[in-house]
């Protein structure tokens, strides 16, 4: 598997070394717990056939969030990038590969990826703010007050999803 810095180019934009390392630790923990040897061939959603791959989606969302954050100028860019890179990390527990096909895992049928992703982030010692971005990036976030960085990641994620859904 490629190094995480190659998979996720904006990882290098996180200035706080400890935060950057914890983002990698979170990906490694998710892969280990989910039984993934690499991130190749994982769809970013099971809801839309042909929507594209998981890593590309994470990178698109992170790039969009990064651009919005730079334009705003009033958000924590390290926090924003970390949250964007990890927003879908829980999908490595929500999905499973069986006979070459990616499907919902038994865990994924009862725990959605924002919840499992937040738990992974908490387990590696990421801040409550990063945990919040992950937990609130999808519909689960409708029940909490999103921090500014979570608002950005939420909208960037849905931009990418709705465009993919419209291309079917």
C-alpha atoms as a PDB file:
ATOM      1  CA  UNK A   1       0.000   0.000   0.000  1.00  0.00           C
ATOM      2  CA  UNK A   2       1.127   3.559  -0.732  1.00  0.00           C
ATOM      3  CA  UNK A   3       2.149   5.736   2.210  1.00  0.00           C
ATOM      4  CA  UNK A   4      -0.756   7.779   3.592  1.00  0.00           C
ATOM      5  CA  UNK A   5       1.017  10.975   2.510  1.00  0.00           C
ATOM      6  CA  UNK A   6       0.797   9.739  -1.091  1.00  0.00           C
ATOM      7  CA  UNK A   7      -2.826   8.611  -0.763  1.00  0.00           C
ATOM      8  CA  UNK A   8      -3.905  11.870   0.880  1.00  0.00           C
ATOM      9  CA  UNK A   9      -1.745  14.760  -0.418  1.00  0.00           C
ATOM     10  CA  UNK A  10      -3.285  17.413   1.858  1.00  0.00           C
ATOM     11  CA  UNK A  11      -2.134  15.454   4.919  1.00  0.00           C
ATOM     12  CA  UNK A  12       1.168  17.327   4.565  1.00  0.00           C
ATOM     13  CA  UNK A  13      -0.701  20.638   4.991  1.00  0.00           C
ATOM     14  CA  UNK A  14      -1.435  19.827   8.648  1.00  0.00           C
ATOM     15  CA  UNK A  15       1.185  21.895  10.434  1.00  0.00           C
ATOM     16  CA  UNK A  16       0.771  20.276  13.861  1.00  0.00           C
ATOM     17  CA  UNK A  17       2.960  17.154  13.683  1.00  0.00           C
ATOM     18  CA  UNK A  18       1.115  15.402  16.528  1.00  0.00           C
ATOM     19  CA  UNK A  19      -2.242  15.970  14.833  1.00  0.00           C
ATOM     20  CA  UNK A  20      -0.875  14.764  11.487  1.00  0.00           C
ATOM     21  CA  UNK A  21       0.442  11.579  13.137  1.00  0.00           C
ATOM     22  CA  UNK A  22      -2.890  10.937  14.881  1.00  0.00           C
ATOM     23  CA  UNK A  23      -4.712  11.248  11.545  1.00  0.00           C
ATOM     24  CA  UNK A  24      -2.444   8.498  10.175  1.00  0.00           C
ATOM     25  CA  UNK A  25      -2.918   6.467  13.376  1.00  0.00           C
ATOM     26  CA  UNK A  26      -6.692   6.704  12.904  1.00  0.00           C
ATOM     27  CA  UNK A  27      -6.476   5.410   9.324  1.00  0.00           C
ATOM     28  CA  UNK A  28      -4.203   2.574  10.458  1.00  0.00           C
ATOM     29  CA  UNK A  29      -6.554   1.603  13.295  1.00  0.00           C
ATOM     30  CA  UNK A  30      -9.558   1.654  10.950  1.00  0.00           C
ATOM     31  CA  UNK A  31      -7.774  -0.554   8.436  1.00  0.00           C
ATOM     32  CA  UNK A  32      -6.711  -2.993  11.135  1.00  0.00           C
ATOM     33  CA  UNK A  33     -10.162  -3.202  12.773  1.00  0.00           C
ATOM     34  CA  UNK A  34     -11.908  -3.440   9.404  1.00  0.00           C
ATOM     35  CA  UNK A  35      -9.501  -6.020   7.992  1.00  0.00           C
ATOM     36  CA  UNK A  36      -8.378  -3.842   5.053  1.00  0.00           C
ATOM     37  CA  UNK A  37      -4.915  -4.368   3.583  1.00  0.00           C
ATOM     38  CA  UNK A  38      -5.276  -1.401   1.240  1.00  0.00           C
ATOM     39  CA  UNK A  39      -7.860   1.164   0.190  1.00  0.00           C
ATOM     40  CA  UNK A  40      -8.016   0.165  -3.482  1.00  0.00           C
ATOM     41  CA  UNK A  41     -11.370  -0.626  -5.043  1.00  0.00           C
ATOM     42  CA  UNK A  42     -13.529   0.696  -2.216  1.00  0.00           C
ATOM     43  CA  UNK A  43     -16.513   2.694  -3.493  1.00  0.00           C
ATOM     44  CA  UNK A  44     -17.138   5.959  -1.693  1.00  0.00           C
ATOM     45  CA  UNK A  45     -20.811   5.074  -1.368  1.00  0.00           C
ATOM     46  CA  UNK A  46     -22.884   1.934  -1.728  1.00  0.00           C
ATOM     47  CA  UNK A  47     -25.960   4.040  -2.505  1.00  0.00           C
ATOM     48  CA  UNK A  48     -24.934   5.048  -6.049  1.00  0.00           C
ATOM     49  CA  UNK A  49     -23.464   2.578  -8.535  1.00  0.00           C
ATOM     50  CA  UNK A  50     -20.379   3.947 -10.258  1.00  0.00           C
ATOM     51  CA  UNK A  51     -20.061   6.964  -7.935  1.00  0.00           C
ATOM     52  CA  UNK A  52     -16.288   6.677  -7.785  1.00  0.00           C
ATOM     53  CA  UNK A  53     -13.732   5.420  -5.367  1.00  0.00           C
ATOM     54  CA  UNK A  54     -13.325   6.095  -1.681  1.00  0.00           C
ATOM     55  CA  UNK A  55      -9.843   7.678  -1.682  1.00  0.00           C
ATOM     56  CA  UNK A  56     -10.763  10.070  -4.513  1.00  0.00           C
ATOM     57  CA  UNK A  57     -13.898  11.120  -2.620  1.00  0.00           C
ATOM     58  CA  UNK A  58     -11.926  11.792   0.580  1.00  0.00           C
ATOM     59  CA  UNK A  59      -9.407  13.822  -1.423  1.00  0.00           C
ATOM     60  CA  UNK A  60     -12.122  15.811  -3.250  1.00  0.00           C
ATOM     61  CA  UNK A  61     -13.920  16.645  -0.019  1.00  0.00           C
ATOM     62  CA  UNK A  62     -10.635  17.613   1.642  1.00  0.00           C
ATOM     63  CA  UNK A  63      -9.584  19.784  -1.316  1.00  0.00           C
ATOM     64  CA  UNK A  64     -12.978  21.547  -1.384  1.00  0.00           C
ATOM     65  CA  UNK A  65     -12.898  22.085   2.386  1.00  0.00           C
ATOM     66  CA  UNK A  66      -9.319  23.366   2.167  1.00  0.00           C
ATOM     67  CA  UNK A  67     -10.304  25.870  -0.532  1.00  0.00           C
ATOM     68  CA  UNK A  68     -13.317  27.083   1.462  1.00  0.00           C
ATOM     69  CA  UNK A  69     -11.231  27.372   4.629  1.00  0.00           C
ATOM     70  CA  UNK A  70      -8.538  29.381   2.859  1.00  0.00           C
ATOM     71  CA  UNK A  71     -11.160  31.679   1.357  1.00  0.00           C
ATOM     72  CA  UNK A  72     -12.896  32.178   4.722  1.00  0.00           C
ATOM     73  CA  UNK A  73      -9.652  32.784   6.563  1.00  0.00           C
ATOM     74  CA  UNK A  74     -11.303  32.400   9.965  1.00  0.00           C
ATOM     75  CA  UNK A  75     -11.224  28.647  10.589  1.00  0.00           C
ATOM     76  CA  UNK A  76      -8.584  26.347  12.039  1.00  0.00           C
ATOM     77  CA  UNK A  77      -7.029  24.862   8.900  1.00  0.00           C
ATOM     78  CA  UNK A  78      -5.289  21.984  10.706  1.00  0.00           C
ATOM     79  CA  UNK A  79      -8.574  20.994  12.315  1.00  0.00           C
ATOM     80  CA  UNK A  80     -10.453  21.391   9.037  1.00  0.00           C
ATOM     81  CA  UNK A  81      -8.010  19.261   7.038  1.00  0.00           C
ATOM     82  CA  UNK A  82      -7.837  16.560   9.728  1.00  0.00           C
ATOM     83  CA  UNK A  83     -11.619  16.372   9.950  1.00  0.00           C
ATOM     84  CA  UNK A  84     -12.042  16.301   6.186  1.00  0.00           C
ATOM     85  CA  UNK A  85      -9.428  13.567   5.761  1.00  0.00           C
ATOM     86  CA  UNK A  86     -11.141  11.470   8.421  1.00  0.00           C
ATOM     87  CA  UNK A  87     -14.808  12.231   7.755  1.00  0.00           C
ATOM     88  CA  UNK A  88     -15.406   8.791   6.181  1.00  0.00           C
ATOM     89  CA  UNK A  89     -12.777   6.743   8.056  1.00  0.00           C
ATOM     90  CA  UNK A  90     -15.612   4.811   9.723  1.00  0.00           C
ATOM     91  CA  UNK A  91     -16.565   3.337   6.350  1.00  0.00           C
ATOM     92  CA  UNK A  92     -13.684   0.928   6.856  1.00  0.00           C
ATOM     93  CA  UNK A  93     -15.833  -0.594   9.617  1.00  0.00           C
ATOM     94  CA  UNK A  94     -19.179  -0.030   7.872  1.00  0.00           C
ATOM     95  CA  UNK A  95     -18.002  -1.877   4.759  1.00  0.00           C
ATOM     96  CA  UNK A  96     -16.509  -5.320   4.226  1.00  0.00           C
ATOM     97  CA  UNK A  97     -15.024  -6.982   1.146  1.00  0.00           C
ATOM     98  CA  UNK A  98     -16.442 -10.451   0.486  1.00  0.00           C
ATOM     99  CA  UNK A  99     -15.345 -12.379  -2.601  1.00  0.00           C
ATOM    100  CA  UNK A 100     -14.046  -9.152  -4.143  1.00  0.00           C
ATOM    101  CA  UNK A 101     -17.302  -7.242  -3.594  1.00  0.00           C
ATOM    102  CA  UNK A 102     -17.660  -4.408  -1.087  1.00  0.00           C
ATOM    103  CA  UNK A 103     -20.859  -4.630   0.981  1.00  0.00           C
ATOM    104  CA  UNK A 104     -22.260  -3.439   4.301  1.00  0.00           C
ATOM    105  CA  UNK A 105     -20.559  -5.220   7.159  1.00  0.00           C
ATOM    106  CA  UNK A 106     -22.557  -6.707  10.030  1.00  0.00           C
ATOM    107  CA  UNK A 107     -21.373  -3.758  12.153  1.00  0.00           C
ATOM    108  CA  UNK A 108     -22.259  -1.320   9.366  1.00  0.00           C
ATOM    109  CA  UNK A 109     -25.830  -2.555   9.373  1.00  0.00           C
ATOM    110  CA  UNK A 110     -26.279  -1.296  12.927  1.00  0.00           C
ATOM    111  CA  UNK A 111     -23.639   1.467  13.332  1.00  0.00           C
ATOM    112  CA  UNK A 112     -23.187   4.089  10.619  1.00  0.00           C
ATOM    113  CA  UNK A 113     -19.750   5.379   9.667  1.00  0.00           C
ATOM    114  CA  UNK A 114     -20.000   8.806  11.366  1.00  0.00           C
ATOM    115  CA  UNK A 115     -20.410   7.037  14.710  1.00  0.00           C
ATOM    116  CA  UNK A 116     -17.718   4.394  14.167  1.00  0.00           C
ATOM    117  CA  UNK A 117     -15.379   7.016  12.688  1.00  0.00           C
ATOM    118  CA  UNK A 118     -15.830   9.262  15.716  1.00  0.00           C
ATOM    119  CA  UNK A 119     -15.071   6.291  17.985  1.00  0.00           C
ATOM    120  CA  UNK A 120     -11.881   5.527  16.033  1.00  0.00           C
ATOM    121  CA  UNK A 121     -10.757   9.160  16.256  1.00  0.00           C
ATOM    122  CA  UNK A 122     -11.420   9.212  19.987  1.00  0.00           C
ATOM    123  CA  UNK A 123      -9.503   5.931  20.426  1.00  0.00           C
ATOM    124  CA  UNK A 124      -6.319   7.408  18.918  1.00  0.00           C
ATOM    125  CA  UNK A 125      -6.546  10.530  21.046  1.00  0.00           C
ATOM    126  CA  UNK A 126      -7.822  13.051  18.521  1.00  0.00           C
ATOM    127  CA  UNK A 127      -9.455  16.179  19.928  1.00  0.00           C
ATOM    128  CA  UNK A 128     -13.156  16.539  20.587  1.00  0.00           C
ATOM    129  CA  UNK A 129     -13.274  18.985  17.670  1.00  0.00           C
ATOM    130  CA  UNK A 130     -11.990  16.398  15.172  1.00  0.00           C
ATOM    131  CA  UNK A 131     -14.293  13.756  16.659  1.00  0.00           C
ATOM    132  CA  UNK A 132     -17.168  16.222  16.257  1.00  0.00           C
ATOM    133  CA  UNK A 133     -16.393  16.914  12.592  1.00  0.00           C
ATOM    134  CA  UNK A 134     -16.479  13.185  11.844  1.00  0.00           C
ATOM    135  CA  UNK A 135     -19.606  12.529  13.902  1.00  0.00           C
ATOM    136  CA  UNK A 136     -21.492  15.529  12.471  1.00  0.00           C
ATOM    137  CA  UNK A 137     -20.533  15.351   8.789  1.00  0.00           C
ATOM    138  CA  UNK A 138     -23.640  13.404   7.762  1.00  0.00           C
ATOM    139  CA  UNK A 139     -27.281  13.364   8.813  1.00  0.00           C
ATOM    140  CA  UNK A 140     -26.286  12.546  12.391  1.00  0.00           C
ATOM    141  CA  UNK A 141     -25.016  16.112  12.589  1.00  0.00           C
ATOM    142  CA  UNK A 142     -28.523  17.490  12.301  1.00  0.00           C
ATOM    143  CA  UNK A 143     -28.913  16.793  16.029  1.00  0.00           C
ATOM    144  CA  UNK A 144     -25.885  18.756  17.279  1.00  0.00           C
ATOM    145  CA  UNK A 145     -24.451  22.221  16.884  1.00  0.00           C
ATOM    146  CA  UNK A 146     -21.740  21.895  14.247  1.00  0.00           C
ATOM    147  CA  UNK A 147     -18.505  23.804  14.723  1.00  0.00           C
ATOM    148  CA  UNK A 148     -17.515  25.943  11.691  1.00  0.00           C
ATOM    149  CA  UNK A 149     -15.074  23.319  10.379  1.00  0.00           C
ATOM    150  CA  UNK A 150     -17.804  20.660  10.582  1.00  0.00           C
ATOM    151  CA  UNK A 151     -20.189  22.890   8.617  1.00  0.00           C
ATOM    152  CA  UNK A 152     -17.618  23.123   5.825  1.00  0.00           C
ATOM    153  CA  UNK A 153     -16.880  19.373   5.738  1.00  0.00           C
ATOM    154  CA  UNK A 154     -20.600  18.541   5.842  1.00  0.00           C
ATOM    155  CA  UNK A 155     -21.398  20.726   2.836  1.00  0.00           C
ATOM    156  CA  UNK A 156     -18.350  19.630   0.829  1.00  0.00           C
ATOM    157  CA  UNK A 157     -19.242  15.978   1.443  1.00  0.00           C
ATOM    158  CA  UNK A 158     -22.809  16.501   0.266  1.00  0.00           C
ATOM    159  CA  UNK A 159     -21.680  18.470  -2.795  1.00  0.00           C
ATOM    160  CA  UNK A 160     -19.603  15.482  -3.878  1.00  0.00           C
ATOM    161  CA  UNK A 161     -22.358  12.970  -3.056  1.00  0.00           C
ATOM    162  CA  UNK A 162     -25.118  14.877  -4.862  1.00  0.00           C
ATOM    163  CA  UNK A 163     -22.997  15.368  -7.969  1.00  0.00           C
ATOM    164  CA  UNK A 164     -22.211  11.631  -8.030  1.00  0.00           C
ATOM    165  CA  UNK A 165     -25.872  10.785  -7.523  1.00  0.00           C
ATOM    166  CA  UNK A 166     -26.873  13.088 -10.367  1.00  0.00           C
ATOM    167  CA  UNK A 167     -24.495  11.357 -12.800  1.00  0.00           C
ATOM    168  CA  UNK A 168     -26.166   7.943 -12.505  1.00  0.00           C
END
